[in-house]
């Protein structure tokens, strides 16, 4: 077997392993989102989201929401940061201050960011869309379009 053929096989194995792991994450994301929706019902508003954030069966670590203007990168609506190196101390979701008085949109934004708390670096944007849309009972494309429109509303002049 040539060296080139061996390298191709190694690449394929790595790629498959990554796909298998991510497939497992995506399945867990879906299952967890369905579980949350079953537990908290079809009407997930901001008050319900705050209850969900306190429920360790739903959100793995403590999660606080804060609103800031500085520190949100252009083209983003928020960011999630660990409080310390110890994940059990919790996380903070920082959302752009423009959303502070918009409780109607907060569930979608918070759910999108909360995937990072549950899945860390394994989480992808696809997982965030899948999680948020499933918890809210929305079509995934409609959820994605809502997130894009909200983000664009911050940065388009």
C-alpha atoms as a PDB file:
ATOM      1  CA  UNK A   1       0.000   0.000   0.000  1.00  0.00           C
ATOM      2  CA  UNK A   2       1.443   3.363  -0.963  1.00  0.00           C
ATOM      3  CA  UNK A   3       1.956   6.151   1.552  1.00  0.00           C
ATOM      4  CA  UNK A   4      -0.637   8.275  -0.269  1.00  0.00           C
ATOM      5  CA  UNK A   5      -3.264   5.513  -0.001  1.00  0.00           C
ATOM      6  CA  UNK A   6      -2.558   5.108   3.723  1.00  0.00           C
ATOM      7  CA  UNK A   7      -2.962   8.842   4.295  1.00  0.00           C
ATOM      8  CA  UNK A   8      -6.296   8.800   2.454  1.00  0.00           C
ATOM      9  CA  UNK A   9      -7.537   5.933   4.639  1.00  0.00           C
ATOM     10  CA  UNK A  10      -6.467   7.754   7.811  1.00  0.00           C
ATOM     11  CA  UNK A  11      -8.316  10.876   6.712  1.00  0.00           C
ATOM     12  CA  UNK A  12     -11.471   8.882   6.023  1.00  0.00           C
ATOM     13  CA  UNK A  13     -11.349   7.218   9.433  1.00  0.00           C
ATOM     14  CA  UNK A  14     -10.974  10.547  11.209  1.00  0.00           C
ATOM     15  CA  UNK A  15     -13.782  12.066   9.193  1.00  0.00           C
ATOM     16  CA  UNK A  16     -16.116   9.172   9.937  1.00  0.00           C
ATOM     17  CA  UNK A  17     -15.321   9.247  13.646  1.00  0.00           C
ATOM     18  CA  UNK A  18     -16.104  12.959  13.718  1.00  0.00           C
ATOM     19  CA  UNK A  19     -19.348  12.401  11.863  1.00  0.00           C
ATOM     20  CA  UNK A  20     -20.338   9.612  14.234  1.00  0.00           C
ATOM     21  CA  UNK A  21     -19.608  11.765  17.281  1.00  0.00           C
ATOM     22  CA  UNK A  22     -21.483  14.710  15.843  1.00  0.00           C
ATOM     23  CA  UNK A  23     -24.386  12.499  14.836  1.00  0.00           C
ATOM     24  CA  UNK A  24     -24.594  11.359  18.459  1.00  0.00           C
ATOM     25  CA  UNK A  25     -24.481  14.972  19.680  1.00  0.00           C
ATOM     26  CA  UNK A  26     -27.209  16.002  17.226  1.00  0.00           C
ATOM     27  CA  UNK A  27     -29.392  13.103  18.376  1.00  0.00           C
ATOM     28  CA  UNK A  28     -28.867  14.047  22.024  1.00  0.00           C
ATOM     29  CA  UNK A  29     -29.641  17.702  21.226  1.00  0.00           C
ATOM     30  CA  UNK A  30     -32.902  16.636  19.587  1.00  0.00           C
ATOM     31  CA  UNK A  31     -33.854  14.300  22.428  1.00  0.00           C
ATOM     32  CA  UNK A  32     -33.076  16.925  25.079  1.00  0.00           C
ATOM     33  CA  UNK A  33     -35.064  19.589  23.221  1.00  0.00           C
ATOM     34  CA  UNK A  34     -38.082  17.277  22.916  1.00  0.00           C
ATOM     35  CA  UNK A  35     -37.801  16.439  26.613  1.00  0.00           C
ATOM     36  CA  UNK A  36     -37.789  20.146  27.517  1.00  0.00           C
ATOM     37  CA  UNK A  37     -40.790  20.837  25.303  1.00  0.00           C
ATOM     38  CA  UNK A  38     -42.676  17.903  26.851  1.00  0.00           C
ATOM     39  CA  UNK A  39     -41.824  19.081  30.372  1.00  0.00           C
ATOM     40  CA  UNK A  40     -42.529  22.793  29.908  1.00  0.00           C
ATOM     41  CA  UNK A  41     -45.280  22.738  27.317  1.00  0.00           C
ATOM     42  CA  UNK A  42     -45.835  24.362  23.973  1.00  0.00           C
ATOM     43  CA  UNK A  43     -45.898  28.000  25.169  1.00  0.00           C
ATOM     44  CA  UNK A  44     -42.267  28.783  25.918  1.00  0.00           C
ATOM     45  CA  UNK A  45     -42.024  32.470  26.798  1.00  0.00           C
ATOM     46  CA  UNK A  46     -39.300  34.379  28.643  1.00  0.00           C
ATOM     47  CA  UNK A  47     -40.686  33.459  32.090  1.00  0.00           C
ATOM     48  CA  UNK A  48     -40.610  29.769  31.142  1.00  0.00           C
ATOM     49  CA  UNK A  49     -37.084  30.117  29.735  1.00  0.00           C
ATOM     50  CA  UNK A  50     -35.932  31.434  33.111  1.00  0.00           C
ATOM     51  CA  UNK A  51     -37.421  28.312  34.741  1.00  0.00           C
ATOM     52  CA  UNK A  52     -35.684  26.103  32.185  1.00  0.00           C
ATOM     53  CA  UNK A  53     -32.346  27.778  32.925  1.00  0.00           C
ATOM     54  CA  UNK A  54     -32.714  26.763  36.590  1.00  0.00           C
ATOM     55  CA  UNK A  55     -33.544  23.142  35.743  1.00  0.00           C
ATOM     56  CA  UNK A  56     -30.329  21.059  35.670  1.00  0.00           C
ATOM     57  CA  UNK A  57     -32.189  18.329  33.769  1.00  0.00           C
ATOM     58  CA  UNK A  58     -32.437  20.848  30.921  1.00  0.00           C
ATOM     59  CA  UNK A  59     -29.399  23.104  31.193  1.00  0.00           C
ATOM     60  CA  UNK A  60     -26.382  21.293  32.546  1.00  0.00           C
ATOM     61  CA  UNK A  61     -24.755  24.183  34.424  1.00  0.00           C
ATOM     62  CA  UNK A  62     -26.003  27.416  35.999  1.00  0.00           C
ATOM     63  CA  UNK A  63     -26.709  30.006  33.323  1.00  0.00           C
ATOM     64  CA  UNK A  64     -27.277  33.708  33.839  1.00  0.00           C
ATOM     65  CA  UNK A  65     -28.468  36.162  31.189  1.00  0.00           C
ATOM     66  CA  UNK A  66     -26.974  39.661  31.038  1.00  0.00           C
ATOM     67  CA  UNK A  67     -27.461  42.477  28.555  1.00  0.00           C
ATOM     68  CA  UNK A  68     -24.476  44.485  27.310  1.00  0.00           C
ATOM     69  CA  UNK A  69     -23.607  46.791  24.439  1.00  0.00           C
ATOM     70  CA  UNK A  70     -19.834  46.507  24.455  1.00  0.00           C
ATOM     71  CA  UNK A  71     -18.203  43.173  23.786  1.00  0.00           C
ATOM     72  CA  UNK A  72     -20.682  41.759  21.285  1.00  0.00           C
ATOM     73  CA  UNK A  73     -18.858  41.257  18.003  1.00  0.00           C
ATOM     74  CA  UNK A  74     -20.358  42.796  14.868  1.00  0.00           C
ATOM     75  CA  UNK A  75     -22.566  40.276  13.122  1.00  0.00           C
ATOM     76  CA  UNK A  76     -23.418  38.511  16.393  1.00  0.00           C
ATOM     77  CA  UNK A  77     -26.353  38.941  18.786  1.00  0.00           C
ATOM     78  CA  UNK A  78     -24.610  37.600  21.866  1.00  0.00           C
ATOM     79  CA  UNK A  79     -21.958  35.365  23.330  1.00  0.00           C
ATOM     80  CA  UNK A  80     -21.646  32.736  26.037  1.00  0.00           C
ATOM     81  CA  UNK A  81     -18.751  32.652  28.479  1.00  0.00           C
ATOM     82  CA  UNK A  82     -17.823  30.417  31.376  1.00  0.00           C
ATOM     83  CA  UNK A  83     -17.684  32.117  34.766  1.00  0.00           C
ATOM     84  CA  UNK A  84     -14.428  30.263  35.504  1.00  0.00           C
ATOM     85  CA  UNK A  85     -12.456  27.246  34.339  1.00  0.00           C
ATOM     86  CA  UNK A  86     -14.753  25.090  36.482  1.00  0.00           C
ATOM     87  CA  UNK A  87     -17.888  24.596  34.381  1.00  0.00           C
ATOM     88  CA  UNK A  88     -19.950  23.817  37.475  1.00  0.00           C
ATOM     89  CA  UNK A  89     -19.605  27.471  38.500  1.00  0.00           C
ATOM     90  CA  UNK A  90     -21.772  28.340  35.545  1.00  0.00           C
ATOM     91  CA  UNK A  91     -21.961  30.450  32.446  1.00  0.00           C
ATOM     92  CA  UNK A  92     -23.211  33.834  31.377  1.00  0.00           C
ATOM     93  CA  UNK A  93     -25.082  34.469  28.161  1.00  0.00           C
ATOM     94  CA  UNK A  94     -24.423  38.042  27.142  1.00  0.00           C
ATOM     95  CA  UNK A  95     -27.079  39.380  24.792  1.00  0.00           C
ATOM     96  CA  UNK A  96     -26.977  42.711  23.032  1.00  0.00           C
ATOM     97  CA  UNK A  97     -28.638  45.397  25.136  1.00  0.00           C
ATOM     98  CA  UNK A  98     -31.094  46.112  22.307  1.00  0.00           C
ATOM     99  CA  UNK A  99     -32.929  42.902  23.232  1.00  0.00           C
ATOM    100  CA  UNK A 100     -33.366  43.718  26.926  1.00  0.00           C
ATOM    101  CA  UNK A 101     -36.911  45.042  26.463  1.00  0.00           C
ATOM    102  CA  UNK A 102     -37.879  42.387  23.895  1.00  0.00           C
ATOM    103  CA  UNK A 103     -39.091  39.412  25.954  1.00  0.00           C
ATOM    104  CA  UNK A 104     -40.820  38.060  22.847  1.00  0.00           C
ATOM    105  CA  UNK A 105     -37.482  37.261  21.175  1.00  0.00           C
ATOM    106  CA  UNK A 106     -35.435  36.264  24.215  1.00  0.00           C
ATOM    107  CA  UNK A 107     -36.410  32.559  24.228  1.00  0.00           C
ATOM    108  CA  UNK A 108     -35.033  32.044  20.706  1.00  0.00           C
ATOM    109  CA  UNK A 109     -31.800  33.903  21.460  1.00  0.00           C
ATOM    110  CA  UNK A 110     -31.179  32.265  24.837  1.00  0.00           C
ATOM    111  CA  UNK A 111     -31.892  28.752  23.570  1.00  0.00           C
ATOM    112  CA  UNK A 112     -29.470  29.271  20.679  1.00  0.00           C
ATOM    113  CA  UNK A 113     -26.670  30.200  23.079  1.00  0.00           C
ATOM    114  CA  UNK A 114     -27.514  27.600  25.735  1.00  0.00           C
ATOM    115  CA  UNK A 115     -26.363  24.739  23.511  1.00  0.00           C
ATOM    116  CA  UNK A 116     -22.789  25.787  24.313  1.00  0.00           C
ATOM    117  CA  UNK A 117     -23.467  25.245  28.004  1.00  0.00           C
ATOM    118  CA  UNK A 118     -24.785  21.729  27.483  1.00  0.00           C
ATOM    119  CA  UNK A 119     -22.370  20.557  24.772  1.00  0.00           C
ATOM    120  CA  UNK A 120     -19.332  22.838  24.891  1.00  0.00           C
ATOM    121  CA  UNK A 121     -17.004  22.727  21.907  1.00  0.00           C
ATOM    122  CA  UNK A 122     -18.940  19.818  20.399  1.00  0.00           C
ATOM    123  CA  UNK A 123     -21.880  22.138  19.710  1.00  0.00           C
ATOM    124  CA  UNK A 124     -22.290  23.607  16.246  1.00  0.00           C
ATOM    125  CA  UNK A 125     -24.552  26.267  14.780  1.00  0.00           C
ATOM    126  CA  UNK A 126     -26.645  23.418  13.370  1.00  0.00           C
ATOM    127  CA  UNK A 127     -27.079  22.039  16.886  1.00  0.00           C
ATOM    128  CA  UNK A 128     -28.114  25.469  18.167  1.00  0.00           C
ATOM    129  CA  UNK A 129     -30.738  25.766  15.425  1.00  0.00           C
ATOM    130  CA  UNK A 130     -31.975  22.239  16.044  1.00  0.00           C
ATOM    131  CA  UNK A 131     -32.211  22.768  19.801  1.00  0.00           C
ATOM    132  CA  UNK A 132     -33.911  26.152  19.694  1.00  0.00           C
ATOM    133  CA  UNK A 133     -36.387  25.279  16.978  1.00  0.00           C
ATOM    134  CA  UNK A 134     -37.351  21.985  18.618  1.00  0.00           C
ATOM    135  CA  UNK A 135     -37.859  23.475  22.089  1.00  0.00           C
ATOM    136  CA  UNK A 136     -39.966  26.281  20.607  1.00  0.00           C
ATOM    137  CA  UNK A 137     -41.867  23.970  18.253  1.00  0.00           C
ATOM    138  CA  UNK A 138     -40.779  25.965  15.220  1.00  0.00           C
ATOM    139  CA  UNK A 139     -39.757  24.936  11.748  1.00  0.00           C
ATOM    140  CA  UNK A 140     -35.957  24.933  11.774  1.00  0.00           C
ATOM    141  CA  UNK A 141     -35.666  27.248   8.756  1.00  0.00           C
ATOM    142  CA  UNK A 142     -38.138  29.709  10.315  1.00  0.00           C
ATOM    143  CA  UNK A 143     -36.096  29.669  13.534  1.00  0.00           C
ATOM    144  CA  UNK A 144     -32.883  30.264  11.604  1.00  0.00           C
ATOM    145  CA  UNK A 145     -34.476  33.154   9.701  1.00  0.00           C
ATOM    146  CA  UNK A 146     -35.656  34.686  12.979  1.00  0.00           C
ATOM    147  CA  UNK A 147     -32.137  34.524  14.441  1.00  0.00           C
ATOM    148  CA  UNK A 148     -30.666  36.043  11.271  1.00  0.00           C
ATOM    149  CA  UNK A 149     -33.256  38.849  11.186  1.00  0.00           C
ATOM    150  CA  UNK A 150     -32.687  39.690  14.853  1.00  0.00           C
ATOM    151  CA  UNK A 151     -28.925  39.721  14.375  1.00  0.00           C
ATOM    152  CA  UNK A 152     -29.166  41.805  11.208  1.00  0.00           C
ATOM    153  CA  UNK A 153     -31.400  44.316  13.009  1.00  0.00           C
ATOM    154  CA  UNK A 154     -28.462  45.151  15.265  1.00  0.00           C
ATOM    155  CA  UNK A 155     -25.875  45.739  12.594  1.00  0.00           C
ATOM    156  CA  UNK A 156     -27.596  47.008   9.466  1.00  0.00           C
ATOM    157  CA  UNK A 157     -27.613  50.752   8.926  1.00  0.00           C
END
